[in-house]
Amino acid sequence: MAATQETAGGKNAPRYIRMQAEDNVAIVVNDGGLPAGSRFADGLTLLDAVPQGHKVALTDLAAGAAVVRYGVVIGYAARDLSAGSWVNERNLAMPEAPSLDRLPISTRVPAELPPLDGFTFRGYRSADGSVGTRNILAITTTVQCVAGVVEFAVKRIKETLLPQYPNVDDVVALEHTYGCGVAIDAPDAIVPIRTLRNISTNPNFGGEVMVVSLGCEKLQPERLLPAGSIPIGSADADGKPDTVCLQDDAHVGFLSMIDSILTMARTHLERLNARQRETVPASELIVGVQCGGSDAFSGVTANPAVGFATDLLVRAGATVMFSEVTEVRDGIDQLTSRAATPEVAEAMIREMAWYDAYLERGRVDRSANTTPGNKRGGLSNIVEKAMGSIVKSGSGPIHGVISPGAKLDRERQRGLIYAATPASDFICGTLQLAAGINLHVFTTGRGTPYGLAEVPVIKVATRSDLARRWHDLMDVDAGRIATGEATIEDVGWQLFHLMLAVASGEKTWAERWGLHNALTLFNPAPVT
């Protein structure tokens, strides 16, 4: 993807970015947008005031004419549009979703990227061979009813116990709104259940599994974590998880519950504290990439830089997961053609078809994905949004597919992986945690205080204006690409090195502020 800029007369002169030579629209670069009458270096004059990031017609477009951005038809002109007109969702008709039949299957598989050797980070290796970027005690909860007790206990652990264990980074509660009042035996109930199960064994938790249950919930500890699903050290002789049950007769009053949780936490903290960072190859990174609060610059600056970094990671032997079904659905042909094998392509198609059926059951129009904020940032519809989202995946072949809530098979799945998730920020992040990421990269154009307690999140701003205003929330300013101060490669390498540093212990802004939300489970099963 070779973007070109039209600029002359200095930094403040009217500027636009055109992504491909065949595009007949481009986006305005200037902070604050441009007024009607603004004239670009090539002579194009704006007929309307156009906000930053929004599209301007480069040629006359007759009603019904294809509107092309990224070299792809993103819609059709709803009325005659003259060159210089503002092109937005009100005058752009969305095309039909591409059919899942007769897609190109592994027809343009890229060559494997050349190896990139010699890069390492300082991580925590667990007994099962996995490597964490953080050393965290996670307390799994079986049901939302225990959330208040666990929140109180975590606060007490941080105040009284954690200072005694300097090698432990944090204590987090894996809180959620699931576990009871749900159709626990419904076919799709496996999604939230396996999500919680697999998050509990994320590499950043060092194999230490500790559970707090109420006692009467539908999701019993043995069902959530059956024998054999957790490390031996965190289970009893029968393979049952190390659990505090609040309804046990031994608990007399609230503080006795807290004492039981702290006593069990101390055992796990002692084992975690014995762990030390060691030098490991970059191939031990499992990175989730995601975008939220997207704008028209997402596919121009931040996401292409992430895509370049994705290629670097894959070349170094690491694993990268990209996701967001509704944000890649309209570019499914680009993905199936890149699939390393027909089996991988068919798996992607199955995930798209499953989600299509899910949306159909809920009578959700696919156009609902593009939020008001996305539109204010210049994204007219989901097709345009999809094209900018896909570029996070880089340029290599796609080697595997993970269903919602499932876990990466580290022996069989390496390189670029598609993890099927909804596009909602925290649902996507939660499912990538379940899949096994130990580091997360999140791009945003509109801005969002997104964070995860379980893995470090590196935030990448698409625009320099956002990076300046949110200077203590954004870790990387990719807006420098739009202004010509840096290239995609420059920012991609910066991000790659930052990932290694963060994986070794350097804190991100989200970590410094403690920004995170509770886990958000994807529960397609009905509620009872």
Protein backbone atom coordinates (compact mmCIF):
# COMPACT_ATOMS: atom_id res chain seq x y z
CA MET A 1 0.00 0.00 0.00
CA ALA A 2 1.77 3.12 -1.23
CA ALA A 3 0.14 6.30 0.04
CA THR A 4 0.93 9.59 -1.69
CA GLN A 5 0.58 13.11 -0.32
CA GLU A 6 -0.34 16.28 -2.15
CA THR A 7 1.38 19.15 -0.38
CA ALA A 8 3.16 22.39 -1.18
CA GLY A 9 3.80 25.68 0.58
CA GLY A 10 4.94 24.38 3.94
CA LYS A 11 3.58 22.31 6.78
CA ASN A 12 0.33 24.28 7.10
CA ALA A 13 -0.56 24.14 3.42
CA PRO A 14 -3.63 22.09 2.42
CA ARG A 15 -2.65 18.41 2.26
CA TYR A 16 -4.37 15.17 1.39
CA ILE A 17 -3.35 11.50 1.36
CA ARG A 18 -4.32 9.14 -1.43
CA MET A 19 -3.74 5.47 -0.63
CA GLN A 20 -3.56 3.97 -4.15
CA ALA A 21 -3.09 5.41 -7.62
CA GLU A 22 -6.55 4.17 -8.67
CA ASP A 23 -8.32 5.85 -5.72
CA ASN A 24 -10.76 8.60 -6.65
CA VAL A 25 -10.99 9.96 -3.09
CA ALA A 26 -8.34 11.05 -0.59
CA ILE A 27 -8.41 12.16 3.06
CA VAL A 28 -7.62 15.63 4.37
CA VAL A 29 -4.51 15.66 6.59
CA ASN A 30 -4.60 19.13 8.17
CA ASP A 31 -5.44 19.46 11.88
CA GLY A 32 -8.93 20.92 12.20
CA GLY A 33 -9.77 20.16 8.57
CA LEU A 34 -9.95 22.69 5.73
CA PRO A 35 -12.47 25.35 4.71
CA ALA A 36 -14.21 25.50 1.36
CA GLY A 37 -11.98 27.15 -1.23
CA SER A 38 -8.78 25.55 0.04
CA ARG A 39 -6.51 24.72 -2.89
CA PHE A 40 -4.13 21.74 -2.96
CA ALA A 41 -0.77 21.61 -4.71
CA ASP A 42 -2.24 19.79 -7.72
CA GLY A 43 -4.89 22.51 -8.22
CA LEU A 44 -7.83 20.65 -6.66
CA THR A 45 -10.06 23.13 -4.81
CA LEU A 46 -12.46 22.17 -2.03
CA LEU A 47 -16.10 22.92 -2.77
CA ASP A 48 -17.06 22.15 0.84
CA ALA A 49 -15.43 22.49 4.23
CA VAL A 50 -13.92 19.06 4.94
CA PRO A 51 -12.99 17.90 8.48
CA GLN A 52 -9.62 16.28 9.14
CA GLY A 53 -9.54 12.66 8.04
CA HIS A 54 -12.60 12.99 5.83
CA LYS A 55 -12.67 12.22 2.13
CA VAL A 56 -12.58 14.61 -0.76
CA ALA A 57 -13.54 13.61 -4.31
CA LEU A 58 -10.51 13.83 -6.60
CA THR A 59 -12.62 13.58 -9.77
CA ASP A 60 -16.22 14.16 -10.76
CA LEU A 61 -18.37 11.22 -9.57
CA ALA A 62 -21.73 10.60 -11.21
CA ALA A 63 -24.58 9.19 -9.14
CA GLY A 64 -24.00 5.44 -8.84
CA ALA A 65 -20.28 5.68 -9.61
CA ALA A 66 -17.91 3.51 -7.60
CA VAL A 67 -16.02 5.34 -4.85
CA VAL A 68 -12.55 3.83 -4.50
CA ARG A 69 -10.18 4.02 -1.52
CA TYR A 70 -7.34 1.57 -0.75
CA GLY A 71 -7.86 0.39 -4.34
CA VAL A 72 -11.21 -1.08 -3.22
CA VAL A 73 -14.78 -0.01 -3.89
CA ILE A 74 -15.95 1.32 -0.52
CA GLY A 75 -19.34 2.47 -1.82
CA TYR A 76 -21.26 4.22 -4.57
CA ALA A 77 -22.02 7.92 -4.98
CA ALA A 78 -25.61 8.50 -3.82
CA ARG A 79 -25.78 11.63 -6.04
CA ASP A 80 -23.59 13.53 -8.46
CA LEU A 81 -20.42 14.70 -6.70
CA SER A 82 -18.03 17.18 -8.28
CA ALA A 83 -14.28 17.07 -7.76
CA GLY A 84 -13.53 18.83 -4.48
CA SER A 85 -16.74 17.66 -2.79
CA TRP A 86 -16.84 16.23 0.73
CA VAL A 87 -17.58 12.49 0.51
CA ASN A 88 -19.17 11.03 3.64
CA GLU A 89 -21.74 8.49 4.84
CA ARG A 90 -24.66 10.74 3.83
CA ASN A 91 -23.76 10.72 0.13
CA LEU A 92 -22.22 7.25 -0.06
CA ALA A 93 -24.26 4.05 -0.57
CA MET A 94 -22.68 0.95 1.00
CA PRO A 95 -22.01 -2.08 -1.21
CA GLU A 96 -23.34 -5.55 -0.42
CA ALA A 97 -21.27 -7.78 1.83
CA PRO A 98 -19.07 -10.17 -0.15
CA SER A 99 -20.45 -13.68 -0.40
CA LEU A 100 -18.66 -16.46 1.48
CA ASP A 101 -19.11 -18.73 -1.54
CA ARG A 102 -16.47 -19.06 -4.25
CA LEU A 103 -13.82 -17.09 -2.40
CA PRO A 104 -10.19 -17.29 -3.53
CA ILE A 105 -8.58 -20.05 -1.48
CA SER A 106 -4.82 -19.75 -0.94
CA THR A 107 -4.41 -18.20 -4.37
CA ARG A 108 -1.95 -15.45 -3.36
CA VAL A 109 -0.01 -16.96 -0.49
CA PRO A 110 2.90 -14.61 0.25
CA ALA A 111 6.39 -16.04 0.47
CA GLU A 112 7.57 -16.75 4.00
CA LEU A 113 9.32 -13.70 5.40
CA PRO A 114 13.10 -13.92 5.84
CA PRO A 115 14.22 -14.72 9.42
CA LEU A 116 15.17 -11.92 11.77
CA ASP A 117 17.62 -13.30 14.29
CA GLY A 118 19.24 -12.02 17.47
CA PHE A 119 16.35 -10.23 19.19
CA THR A 120 15.52 -11.10 22.79
CA PHE A 121 13.62 -9.88 25.83
CA ARG A 122 13.65 -10.58 29.55
CA GLY A 123 10.64 -12.73 30.42
CA TYR A 124 9.36 -15.22 32.99
CA ARG A 125 9.49 -18.84 31.85
CA SER A 126 6.90 -21.20 33.33
CA ALA A 127 7.11 -24.94 33.95
CA ASP A 128 5.04 -25.66 30.82
CA GLY A 129 7.54 -23.75 28.68
CA SER A 130 5.37 -20.69 28.11
CA VAL A 131 6.84 -17.24 28.79
CA GLY A 132 5.18 -14.32 30.53
CA THR A 133 5.99 -10.65 30.15
CA ARG A 134 4.57 -10.01 33.64
CA ASN A 135 4.49 -12.04 36.87
CA ILE A 136 0.92 -11.70 38.16
CA LEU A 137 -1.27 -13.51 40.67
CA ALA A 138 -4.68 -13.89 39.05
CA ILE A 139 -7.72 -14.84 41.11
CA THR A 140 -10.33 -16.58 38.97
CA THR A 141 -13.99 -16.08 39.87
CA THR A 142 -16.73 -18.53 38.92
CA VAL A 143 -19.66 -16.14 39.21
CA GLN A 144 -20.39 -12.42 39.40
CA CYS A 145 -21.80 -12.82 42.94
CA VAL A 146 -18.30 -12.99 44.47
CA ALA A 147 -16.98 -9.86 42.76
CA GLY A 148 -17.37 -7.54 45.76
CA VAL A 149 -15.63 -9.93 48.15
CA VAL A 150 -12.77 -10.57 45.73
CA GLU A 151 -12.35 -6.86 45.04
CA PHE A 152 -11.99 -6.24 48.79
CA ALA A 153 -9.56 -9.17 49.11
CA VAL A 154 -7.40 -7.97 46.20
CA LYS A 155 -7.13 -4.53 47.77
CA ARG A 156 -6.08 -6.13 51.07
CA ILE A 157 -3.55 -8.39 49.29
CA LYS A 158 -1.97 -5.40 47.56
CA GLU A 159 -1.75 -3.46 50.80
CA THR A 160 -0.50 -6.20 53.17
CA LEU A 161 0.99 -9.09 51.18
CA LEU A 162 2.31 -7.85 47.85
CA PRO A 163 5.11 -5.69 49.37
CA GLN A 164 6.56 -8.89 50.81
CA TYR A 165 6.96 -10.41 47.33
CA PRO A 166 9.01 -7.97 45.23
CA ASN A 167 9.19 -10.24 42.17
CA VAL A 168 5.40 -10.30 41.79
CA ASP A 169 4.13 -7.45 39.61
CA ASP A 170 0.47 -7.37 40.54
CA VAL A 171 -2.64 -9.16 41.78
CA VAL A 172 -5.73 -9.11 39.57
CA ALA A 173 -9.24 -10.47 39.90
CA LEU A 174 -10.64 -12.17 36.82
CA GLU A 175 -14.10 -10.70 37.35
CA HIS A 176 -17.00 -11.04 34.91
CA THR A 177 -20.82 -11.12 34.79
CA TYR A 178 -21.21 -14.82 33.99
CA GLY A 179 -21.68 -18.01 36.00
CA CYS A 180 -25.36 -18.10 36.96
CA GLY A 181 -28.69 -17.09 35.47
CA VAL A 182 -27.47 -18.40 32.11
CA ALA A 183 -28.26 -21.40 29.92
CA ILE A 184 -25.19 -23.26 31.10
CA ASP A 185 -25.81 -26.30 28.87
CA ALA A 186 -26.64 -24.39 25.69
CA PRO A 187 -24.36 -25.30 22.74
CA ASP A 188 -22.66 -21.89 22.61
CA ALA A 189 -22.13 -21.74 26.39
CA ILE A 190 -18.75 -23.33 25.71
CA VAL A 191 -17.54 -19.92 24.47
CA PRO A 192 -17.62 -17.99 27.79
CA ILE A 193 -16.67 -21.10 29.80
CA ARG A 194 -13.55 -21.90 27.82
CA THR A 195 -12.72 -18.20 27.71
CA LEU A 196 -12.53 -18.06 31.51
CA ARG A 197 -10.71 -21.38 31.65
CA ASN A 198 -8.04 -20.34 29.19
CA ILE A 199 -7.54 -16.86 30.66
CA SER A 200 -6.82 -18.54 34.00
CA THR A 201 -3.76 -20.17 32.46
CA ASN A 202 -2.46 -17.14 30.57
CA PRO A 203 1.39 -17.12 30.44
CA ASN A 204 1.53 -13.98 32.59
CA PHE A 205 0.11 -15.91 35.56
CA GLY A 206 3.00 -18.37 35.81
CA GLY A 207 0.85 -21.49 36.04
CA GLU A 208 -0.65 -20.41 39.38
CA VAL A 209 -4.43 -20.91 39.39
CA MET A 210 -6.52 -19.74 42.34
CA VAL A 211 -10.33 -19.75 42.35
CA VAL A 212 -12.99 -18.02 44.44
CA SER A 213 -16.52 -19.42 44.12
CA LEU A 214 -19.83 -18.76 45.84
CA GLY A 215 -20.96 -22.37 46.06
CA CYS A 216 -24.45 -22.45 44.54
CA GLU A 217 -23.64 -21.11 41.05
CA LYS A 218 -24.23 -23.05 37.85
CA LEU A 219 -20.59 -22.72 36.80
CA GLN A 220 -19.00 -24.89 39.48
CA PRO A 221 -15.18 -24.76 39.84
CA GLU A 222 -14.81 -28.35 38.59
CA ARG A 223 -16.79 -27.48 35.48
CA LEU A 224 -14.82 -24.34 34.81
CA LEU A 225 -11.47 -26.02 35.46
CA PRO A 226 -11.83 -29.81 35.10
CA ALA A 227 -9.06 -32.17 36.16
CA GLY A 228 -6.08 -31.92 33.86
CA SER A 229 -6.81 -28.39 32.67
CA ILE A 230 -4.52 -26.65 35.19
CA PRO A 231 -0.96 -27.15 36.44
CA ILE A 232 -0.46 -29.79 39.14
CA GLY A 233 0.78 -27.23 41.69
CA SER A 234 -2.54 -25.37 41.55
CA ALA A 235 -4.73 -28.48 41.95
CA ASP A 236 -5.37 -31.03 44.68
CA ALA A 237 -4.69 -34.77 44.41
CA ASP A 238 -7.89 -35.22 42.37
CA GLY A 239 -6.96 -32.46 39.98
CA LYS A 240 -9.52 -30.02 41.38
CA PRO A 241 -8.60 -26.32 41.36
CA ASP A 242 -7.28 -24.56 44.44
CA THR A 243 -10.56 -22.96 45.58
CA VAL A 244 -12.04 -20.78 48.30
CA CYS A 245 -15.83 -21.36 48.49
CA LEU A 246 -17.59 -18.51 50.29
CA GLN A 247 -20.57 -20.65 51.31
CA ASP A 248 -18.41 -23.21 53.13
CA ASP A 249 -19.47 -23.72 56.75
CA ALA A 250 -15.95 -22.77 57.88
CA HIS A 251 -16.63 -19.15 57.02
CA VAL A 252 -18.14 -17.23 59.90
CA GLY A 253 -18.55 -13.64 58.80
CA PHE A 254 -17.09 -11.55 56.01
CA LEU A 255 -13.56 -11.25 57.38
CA SER A 256 -13.18 -15.02 57.63
CA MET A 257 -13.80 -15.18 53.86
CA ILE A 258 -11.11 -12.54 53.34
CA ASP A 259 -8.70 -14.42 55.61
CA SER A 260 -9.19 -17.63 53.59
CA ILE A 261 -8.49 -15.83 50.33
CA LEU A 262 -5.36 -14.17 51.75
CA THR A 263 -4.08 -17.46 53.19
CA MET A 264 -4.43 -19.18 49.82
CA ALA A 265 -2.98 -16.15 48.00
CA ARG A 266 0.15 -16.28 50.15
CA THR A 267 0.95 -19.82 48.92
CA HIS A 268 0.68 -18.75 45.29
CA LEU A 269 2.60 -15.52 45.86
CA GLU A 270 5.49 -17.43 47.37
CA ARG A 271 5.82 -19.58 44.28
CA LEU A 272 5.45 -16.64 41.92
CA ASN A 273 8.06 -14.67 43.87
CA ALA A 274 10.62 -17.40 43.22
CA ARG A 275 10.45 -16.68 39.49
CA GLN A 276 13.10 -14.47 37.92
CA ARG A 277 13.27 -12.76 34.56
CA GLU A 278 15.61 -14.44 32.12
CA THR A 279 16.74 -13.69 28.60
CA VAL A 280 14.51 -15.44 26.06
CA PRO A 281 14.26 -15.16 22.27
CA ALA A 282 11.73 -12.79 20.73
CA SER A 283 10.00 -15.90 19.38
CA GLU A 284 8.38 -16.30 22.83
CA LEU A 285 6.23 -13.22 22.28
CA ILE A 286 2.53 -13.80 21.59
CA VAL A 287 1.14 -10.42 20.61
CA GLY A 288 -2.48 -9.41 20.11
CA VAL A 289 -3.15 -6.45 17.83
CA GLN A 290 -6.39 -4.51 17.86
CA CYS A 291 -7.87 -1.10 17.01
CA GLY A 292 -10.61 0.88 18.72
CA GLY A 293 -11.96 4.38 18.45
CA SER A 294 -10.78 4.17 14.85
CA ASP A 295 -10.67 6.99 12.33
CA ALA A 296 -9.68 7.42 8.71
CA PHE A 297 -6.01 7.71 9.73
CA SER A 298 -6.06 4.25 11.34
CA GLY A 299 -5.45 2.59 7.98
CA VAL A 300 -2.91 5.25 6.93
CA THR A 301 -0.58 5.58 9.91
CA ALA A 302 -0.99 3.40 13.02
CA ASN A 303 -2.31 0.18 11.51
CA PRO A 304 0.24 0.05 8.67
CA ALA A 305 3.00 0.66 11.24
CA VAL A 306 1.59 -2.17 13.35
CA GLY A 307 1.48 -4.30 10.20
CA PHE A 308 5.16 -3.59 9.58
CA ALA A 309 5.92 -4.52 13.21
CA THR A 310 3.80 -7.65 12.77
CA ASP A 311 6.07 -8.72 9.92
CA LEU A 312 9.14 -8.06 12.07
CA LEU A 313 7.70 -10.15 14.91
CA VAL A 314 6.84 -13.04 12.60
CA ARG A 315 10.31 -12.87 11.09
CA ALA A 316 11.71 -13.11 14.64
CA GLY A 317 9.67 -16.27 15.21
CA ALA A 318 6.96 -14.65 17.36
CA THR A 319 3.22 -15.20 17.08
CA VAL A 320 0.84 -12.34 16.25
CA MET A 321 -2.96 -12.48 16.49
CA PHE A 322 -5.27 -10.15 14.63
CA SER A 323 -9.03 -10.35 15.13
CA GLU A 324 -12.33 -8.43 14.92
CA VAL A 325 -14.65 -10.43 12.67
CA THR A 326 -16.94 -7.56 11.68
CA GLU A 327 -13.95 -5.36 10.89
CA VAL A 328 -12.36 -7.80 8.45
CA ARG A 329 -15.53 -9.46 7.08
CA ASP A 330 -15.74 -7.14 4.07
CA GLY A 331 -12.14 -7.99 3.14
CA ILE A 332 -12.48 -11.75 3.59
CA ASP A 333 -11.27 -12.40 0.03
CA GLN A 334 -7.96 -10.71 0.90
CA LEU A 335 -7.55 -13.04 3.87
CA THR A 336 -8.56 -16.36 2.33
CA SER A 337 -6.22 -15.73 -0.58
CA ARG A 338 -3.34 -15.22 1.93
CA ALA A 339 -4.12 -18.38 3.90
CA ALA A 340 -1.08 -20.66 4.08
CA THR A 341 -3.27 -23.69 3.38
CA PRO A 342 -6.82 -24.32 2.14
CA GLU A 343 -7.64 -25.64 5.62
CA VAL A 344 -6.77 -22.26 7.14
CA ALA A 345 -8.91 -20.47 4.54
CA GLU A 346 -11.88 -22.76 5.21
CA ALA A 347 -11.52 -22.19 8.96
CA MET A 348 -11.72 -18.42 8.42
CA ILE A 349 -14.81 -18.84 6.28
CA ARG A 350 -16.45 -20.98 8.99
CA GLU A 351 -15.81 -18.30 11.59
CA MET A 352 -17.25 -15.59 9.34
CA ALA A 353 -20.32 -17.73 8.57
CA TRP A 354 -20.87 -18.44 12.27
CA TYR A 355 -20.76 -14.73 13.04
CA ASP A 356 -23.01 -13.87 10.11
CA ALA A 357 -25.59 -16.28 11.56
CA TYR A 358 -25.12 -14.77 15.03
CA LEU A 359 -25.79 -11.25 13.72
CA GLU A 360 -28.77 -12.52 11.74
CA ARG A 361 -30.32 -14.03 14.87
CA GLY A 362 -29.99 -10.66 16.57
CA ARG A 363 -31.22 -8.80 13.47
CA VAL A 364 -28.11 -6.62 13.55
CA ASP A 365 -27.25 -4.71 10.38
CA ARG A 366 -23.54 -4.93 9.60
CA SER A 367 -23.48 -1.15 9.11
CA ALA A 368 -24.00 -0.79 12.87
CA ASN A 369 -20.31 -1.55 13.42
CA THR A 370 -19.22 1.89 12.25
CA THR A 371 -19.87 4.04 15.31
CA PRO A 372 -20.74 7.76 15.40
CA GLY A 373 -17.17 8.40 16.54
CA ASN A 374 -15.76 6.41 13.62
CA LYS A 375 -17.85 8.51 11.25
CA ARG A 376 -16.77 11.77 12.84
CA GLY A 377 -13.22 10.54 12.28
CA GLY A 378 -13.87 10.08 8.55
CA LEU A 379 -14.85 6.41 8.28
CA SER A 380 -18.03 6.35 6.24
CA ASN A 381 -18.91 2.67 6.53
CA ILE A 382 -17.71 -0.79 7.53
CA VAL A 383 -16.10 -1.46 4.14
CA GLU A 384 -13.75 1.48 4.53
CA LYS A 385 -13.15 0.54 8.16
CA ALA A 386 -12.33 -3.06 7.18
CA MET A 387 -9.68 -2.01 4.70
CA GLY A 388 -7.89 0.02 7.35
CA SER A 389 -8.21 -2.73 9.96
CA ILE A 390 -6.77 -5.57 7.89
CA VAL A 391 -3.41 -3.86 7.39
CA LYS A 392 -2.53 -4.58 11.05
CA SER A 393 -1.93 -8.15 9.88
CA GLY A 394 1.12 -7.21 7.85
CA SER A 395 2.06 -8.91 4.60
CA GLY A 396 2.81 -12.53 5.48
CA PRO A 397 0.80 -15.74 5.09
CA ILE A 398 -1.91 -16.56 7.65
CA HIS A 399 -0.96 -19.77 9.43
CA GLY A 400 -3.89 -20.55 11.71
CA VAL A 401 -7.34 -19.70 13.04
CA ILE A 402 -8.56 -19.70 16.65
CA SER A 403 -12.26 -19.85 17.53
CA PRO A 404 -13.69 -17.51 20.22
CA GLY A 405 -12.40 -18.47 23.65
CA ALA A 406 -10.06 -21.16 22.35
CA LYS A 407 -6.35 -21.27 23.17
CA LEU A 408 -3.34 -21.09 20.90
CA ASP A 409 -1.65 -24.45 20.33
CA ARG A 410 1.95 -23.30 20.79
CA GLU A 411 3.35 -26.46 19.25
CA ARG A 412 1.33 -26.27 16.03
CA GLN A 413 0.40 -22.60 15.60
CA ARG A 414 3.12 -20.03 15.00
CA GLY A 415 3.45 -16.87 12.98
CA LEU A 416 0.39 -14.87 11.90
CA ILE A 417 -2.85 -16.20 13.40
CA TYR A 418 -6.45 -15.07 12.98
CA ALA A 419 -8.26 -15.14 16.35
CA ALA A 420 -11.99 -14.83 15.67
CA THR A 421 -13.52 -12.25 18.03
CA PRO A 422 -16.21 -9.58 17.92
CA ALA A 423 -14.88 -6.08 17.28
CA SER A 424 -15.95 -4.68 20.66
CA ASP A 425 -12.72 -3.55 22.34
CA PHE A 426 -12.93 -5.37 25.65
CA ILE A 427 -14.56 -8.52 24.24
CA CYS A 428 -11.77 -8.74 21.68
CA GLY A 429 -9.13 -8.12 24.34
CA THR A 430 -10.70 -10.71 26.64
CA LEU A 431 -10.75 -13.35 23.91
CA GLN A 432 -7.17 -12.62 22.90
CA LEU A 433 -6.19 -13.08 26.56
CA ALA A 434 -7.86 -16.48 26.45
CA ALA A 435 -5.97 -17.31 23.27
CA GLY A 436 -2.72 -16.75 25.18
CA ILE A 437 -1.29 -13.34 24.37
CA ASN A 438 1.43 -11.98 26.66
CA LEU A 439 1.49 -8.48 25.08
CA HIS A 440 -1.15 -6.29 23.46
CA VAL A 441 -0.95 -3.45 20.91
CA PHE A 442 -3.94 -1.14 20.54
CA THR A 443 -4.33 1.62 17.95
CA THR A 444 -6.77 4.50 18.22
CA GLY A 445 -7.61 7.66 16.34
CA ARG A 446 -10.50 9.08 18.33
CA GLY A 447 -8.90 8.08 21.64
CA THR A 448 -9.90 5.59 24.33
CA PRO A 449 -8.49 4.88 27.82
CA TYR A 450 -8.45 1.15 27.00
CA GLY A 451 -6.27 -1.11 29.12
CA LEU A 452 -5.97 -4.70 30.33
CA ALA A 453 -4.87 -5.66 33.82
CA GLU A 454 -3.58 -9.04 32.67
CA VAL A 455 -1.10 -7.99 29.96
CA PRO A 456 0.68 -4.73 29.15
CA VAL A 457 -1.08 -2.67 26.46
CA ILE A 458 0.93 -0.43 24.12
CA LYS A 459 -1.27 2.39 22.80
CA VAL A 460 -0.61 3.85 19.34
CA ALA A 461 -2.17 7.16 18.27
CA THR A 462 -3.10 7.54 14.61
CA ARG A 463 -2.84 11.34 14.73
CA SER A 464 -0.24 13.63 16.25
CA ASP A 465 -2.98 15.90 17.59
CA LEU A 466 -4.30 13.01 19.71
CA ALA A 467 -0.78 12.06 20.80
CA ARG A 468 -0.18 15.65 21.96
CA ARG A 469 -3.49 16.04 23.77
CA TRP A 470 -3.33 12.58 25.37
CA HIS A 471 0.41 12.74 25.93
CA ASP A 472 0.24 10.60 29.07
CA LEU A 473 -2.00 7.91 27.54
CA MET A 474 -0.42 7.24 24.14
CA ASP A 475 2.87 5.33 23.92
CA VAL A 476 3.56 5.88 20.21
CA ASP A 477 2.69 8.77 17.87
CA ALA A 478 2.05 7.27 14.44
CA GLY A 479 0.63 10.58 13.22
CA ARG A 480 4.18 11.55 12.23
CA ILE A 481 3.65 9.34 9.18
CA ALA A 482 0.83 11.57 7.93
CA THR A 483 2.89 14.74 8.35
CA GLY A 484 5.93 13.24 6.64
CA GLU A 485 8.11 13.41 9.77
CA ALA A 486 8.48 9.60 9.81
CA THR A 487 7.85 6.62 7.57
CA ILE A 488 5.75 3.53 8.22
CA GLU A 489 9.02 1.63 8.56
CA ASP A 490 10.37 4.13 11.11
CA VAL A 491 7.34 3.81 13.37
CA GLY A 492 7.16 0.04 12.80
CA TRP A 493 10.73 -0.42 14.03
CA GLN A 494 10.06 1.95 16.96
CA LEU A 495 7.06 -0.16 17.94
CA PHE A 496 9.02 -3.41 17.58
CA HIS A 497 11.77 -2.22 19.92
CA LEU A 498 9.20 -0.82 22.35
CA MET A 499 7.47 -4.21 22.47
CA LEU A 500 10.72 -5.89 23.46
CA ALA A 501 11.32 -3.26 26.14
CA VAL A 502 7.78 -3.54 27.53
CA ALA A 503 7.99 -7.34 27.45
CA SER A 504 11.14 -6.96 29.57
CA GLY A 505 9.35 -4.89 32.22
CA GLU A 506 9.12 -1.29 30.98
CA LYS A 507 5.68 0.03 31.90
CA THR A 508 3.21 1.42 29.39
CA TRP A 509 1.09 4.48 30.13
CA ALA A 510 -1.97 2.29 30.69
CA GLU A 511 -0.02 0.30 33.30
CA ARG A 512 1.27 3.39 35.05
CA TRP A 513 -2.26 4.69 35.50
CA GLY A 514 -3.72 1.25 36.24
CA LEU A 515 -6.23 1.57 33.40
CA HIS A 516 -8.27 -1.56 32.82
CA ASN A 517 -11.81 -2.83 32.68
CA ALA A 518 -13.25 -6.07 34.00
CA LEU A 519 -13.24 -9.01 31.62
CA THR A 520 -16.03 -8.79 29.04
CA LEU A 521 -17.17 -12.24 28.02
CA PHE A 522 -18.71 -13.03 24.64
CA ASN A 523 -21.82 -15.00 25.62
CA PRO A 524 -23.87 -16.03 22.56
CA ALA A 525 -25.92 -18.50 24.67
CA PRO A 526 -29.36 -17.36 25.88
CA VAL A 527 -29.94 -16.06 29.39
CA THR A 528 -32.48 -17.99 31.49
